[in-house]
């Protein structure tokens, strides 16, 4: 398992990093949302976990570990984005 989601990630898939790993403990889910660009951490069955990511908030590109993905916050991010906008 090379990432916390235990599945293969697609290029440009959006995931959320764990709180405190990159942005400090006071960061929001939106601050920690990244677009996956490549790396071994995208795959469930590799020994490497490094992956290249791009923050959605400011476009900064960096590397992260696939184990730095927060499964619950990633699900919450996608649930919120899929929910209809309230008038």
C-alpha atoms as a PDB file:
ATOM      1  CA  UNK A   1       0.000   0.000   0.000  1.00  0.00           C
ATOM      2  CA  UNK A   2       1.643   3.242  -1.123  1.00  0.00           C
ATOM      3  CA  UNK A   3      -1.089   5.642  -0.045  1.00  0.00           C
ATOM      4  CA  UNK A   4      -3.635   6.045   2.740  1.00  0.00           C
ATOM      5  CA  UNK A   5      -6.565   5.425   0.385  1.00  0.00           C
ATOM      6  CA  UNK A   6      -5.206   1.957  -0.517  1.00  0.00           C
ATOM      7  CA  UNK A   7      -6.120   2.325  -4.185  1.00  0.00           C
ATOM      8  CA  UNK A   8      -4.646   3.658  -7.387  1.00  0.00           C
ATOM      9  CA  UNK A   9      -4.969   7.423  -7.808  1.00  0.00           C
ATOM     10  CA  UNK A  10      -5.525   9.099 -11.158  1.00  0.00           C
ATOM     11  CA  UNK A  11      -3.360  11.911 -12.499  1.00  0.00           C
ATOM     12  CA  UNK A  12      -5.044  15.213 -11.538  1.00  0.00           C
ATOM     13  CA  UNK A  13      -7.171  13.527  -8.852  1.00  0.00           C
ATOM     14  CA  UNK A  14      -7.800  15.799  -5.882  1.00  0.00           C
ATOM     15  CA  UNK A  15      -6.947  14.544  -2.391  1.00  0.00           C
ATOM     16  CA  UNK A  16      -6.557  16.275   0.978  1.00  0.00           C
ATOM     17  CA  UNK A  17      -3.349  16.057   3.005  1.00  0.00           C
ATOM     18  CA  UNK A  18      -3.430  15.433   6.749  1.00  0.00           C
ATOM     19  CA  UNK A  19      -3.711  18.402   9.077  1.00  0.00           C
ATOM     20  CA  UNK A  20      -0.358  19.623  10.327  1.00  0.00           C
ATOM     21  CA  UNK A  21       1.767  17.885   7.693  1.00  0.00           C
ATOM     22  CA  UNK A  22       2.038  20.798   5.280  1.00  0.00           C
ATOM     23  CA  UNK A  23      -0.065  23.755   6.417  1.00  0.00           C
ATOM     24  CA  UNK A  24      -0.141  23.634  10.207  1.00  0.00           C
ATOM     25  CA  UNK A  25      -2.829  22.360  12.525  1.00  0.00           C
ATOM     26  CA  UNK A  26      -5.113  25.364  11.935  1.00  0.00           C
ATOM     27  CA  UNK A  27      -5.443  24.745   8.216  1.00  0.00           C
ATOM     28  CA  UNK A  28      -8.761  24.072   6.505  1.00  0.00           C
ATOM     29  CA  UNK A  29      -9.574  21.231   4.126  1.00  0.00           C
ATOM     30  CA  UNK A  30      -9.416  23.729   1.245  1.00  0.00           C
ATOM     31  CA  UNK A  31      -5.893  24.770   2.338  1.00  0.00           C
ATOM     32  CA  UNK A  32      -4.761  21.133   2.238  1.00  0.00           C
ATOM     33  CA  UNK A  33      -6.444  20.074  -1.025  1.00  0.00           C
ATOM     34  CA  UNK A  34      -3.924  19.067  -3.684  1.00  0.00           C
ATOM     35  CA  UNK A  35      -4.003  17.774  -7.244  1.00  0.00           C
ATOM     36  CA  UNK A  36      -1.894  14.615  -7.679  1.00  0.00           C
ATOM     37  CA  UNK A  37       0.557  14.950 -10.567  1.00  0.00           C
ATOM     38  CA  UNK A  38       2.604  11.735 -10.433  1.00  0.00           C
ATOM     39  CA  UNK A  39       4.829   9.446  -8.415  1.00  0.00           C
ATOM     40  CA  UNK A  40       4.884   6.029  -6.789  1.00  0.00           C
ATOM     41  CA  UNK A  41       2.421   7.134  -4.091  1.00  0.00           C
ATOM     42  CA  UNK A  42      -0.326   7.103  -6.714  1.00  0.00           C
ATOM     43  CA  UNK A  43      -0.257   3.317  -6.867  1.00  0.00           C
ATOM     44  CA  UNK A  44      -1.587   0.873  -4.285  1.00  0.00           C
ATOM     45  CA  UNK A  45       0.958  -1.877  -4.978  1.00  0.00           C
ATOM     46  CA  UNK A  46       4.350  -0.107  -5.034  1.00  0.00           C
ATOM     47  CA  UNK A  47       7.056   0.087  -2.406  1.00  0.00           C
ATOM     48  CA  UNK A  48       7.611   3.843  -2.872  1.00  0.00           C
ATOM     49  CA  UNK A  49       5.172   6.416  -1.524  1.00  0.00           C
ATOM     50  CA  UNK A  50       6.496   9.721  -2.900  1.00  0.00           C
ATOM     51  CA  UNK A  51       4.250  11.696  -5.216  1.00  0.00           C
ATOM     52  CA  UNK A  52       4.225  15.124  -6.806  1.00  0.00           C
ATOM     53  CA  UNK A  53       1.289  17.359  -5.913  1.00  0.00           C
ATOM     54  CA  UNK A  54       0.016  20.868  -6.625  1.00  0.00           C
ATOM     55  CA  UNK A  55      -1.919  22.852  -4.010  1.00  0.00           C
ATOM     56  CA  UNK A  56      -5.275  24.057  -5.309  1.00  0.00           C
ATOM     57  CA  UNK A  57      -5.158  27.147  -3.091  1.00  0.00           C
ATOM     58  CA  UNK A  58      -2.060  28.750  -4.614  1.00  0.00           C
ATOM     59  CA  UNK A  59      -0.652  26.440  -7.306  1.00  0.00           C
ATOM     60  CA  UNK A  60       2.481  25.615  -5.300  1.00  0.00           C
ATOM     61  CA  UNK A  61       4.071  22.375  -6.484  1.00  0.00           C
ATOM     62  CA  UNK A  62       5.830  20.062  -4.045  1.00  0.00           C
ATOM     63  CA  UNK A  63       6.228  16.421  -3.141  1.00  0.00           C
ATOM     64  CA  UNK A  64       4.283  14.524  -0.500  1.00  0.00           C
ATOM     65  CA  UNK A  65       3.941  10.986   0.714  1.00  0.00           C
ATOM     66  CA  UNK A  66       0.934   8.926  -0.261  1.00  0.00           C
ATOM     67  CA  UNK A  67       0.612   8.218   3.463  1.00  0.00           C
ATOM     68  CA  UNK A  68       0.046  11.962   4.065  1.00  0.00           C
ATOM     69  CA  UNK A  69      -3.414  11.715   2.466  1.00  0.00           C
ATOM     70  CA  UNK A  70      -6.283  12.090   4.939  1.00  0.00           C
ATOM     71  CA  UNK A  71      -9.014   9.630   3.821  1.00  0.00           C
ATOM     72  CA  UNK A  72     -11.807  11.227   5.870  1.00  0.00           C
ATOM     73  CA  UNK A  73     -11.034  14.794   4.805  1.00  0.00           C
ATOM     74  CA  UNK A  74     -10.661  13.685   1.173  1.00  0.00           C
ATOM     75  CA  UNK A  75     -14.130  12.091   1.305  1.00  0.00           C
ATOM     76  CA  UNK A  76     -15.560  15.196   3.008  1.00  0.00           C
ATOM     77  CA  UNK A  77     -14.017  17.457   0.352  1.00  0.00           C
ATOM     78  CA  UNK A  78     -15.594  15.475  -2.486  1.00  0.00           C
ATOM     79  CA  UNK A  79     -18.956  15.163  -0.684  1.00  0.00           C
ATOM     80  CA  UNK A  80     -19.090  18.900  -0.172  1.00  0.00           C
ATOM     81  CA  UNK A  81     -18.211  19.607  -3.794  1.00  0.00           C
ATOM     82  CA  UNK A  82     -20.875  17.176  -5.030  1.00  0.00           C
ATOM     83  CA  UNK A  83     -23.604  18.618  -2.794  1.00  0.00           C
ATOM     84  CA  UNK A  84     -26.061  20.987  -4.499  1.00  0.00           C
ATOM     85  CA  UNK A  85     -25.560  24.683  -3.760  1.00  0.00           C
ATOM     86  CA  UNK A  86     -28.165  26.029  -1.358  1.00  0.00           C
ATOM     87  CA  UNK A  87     -29.955  29.199  -2.561  1.00  0.00           C
END
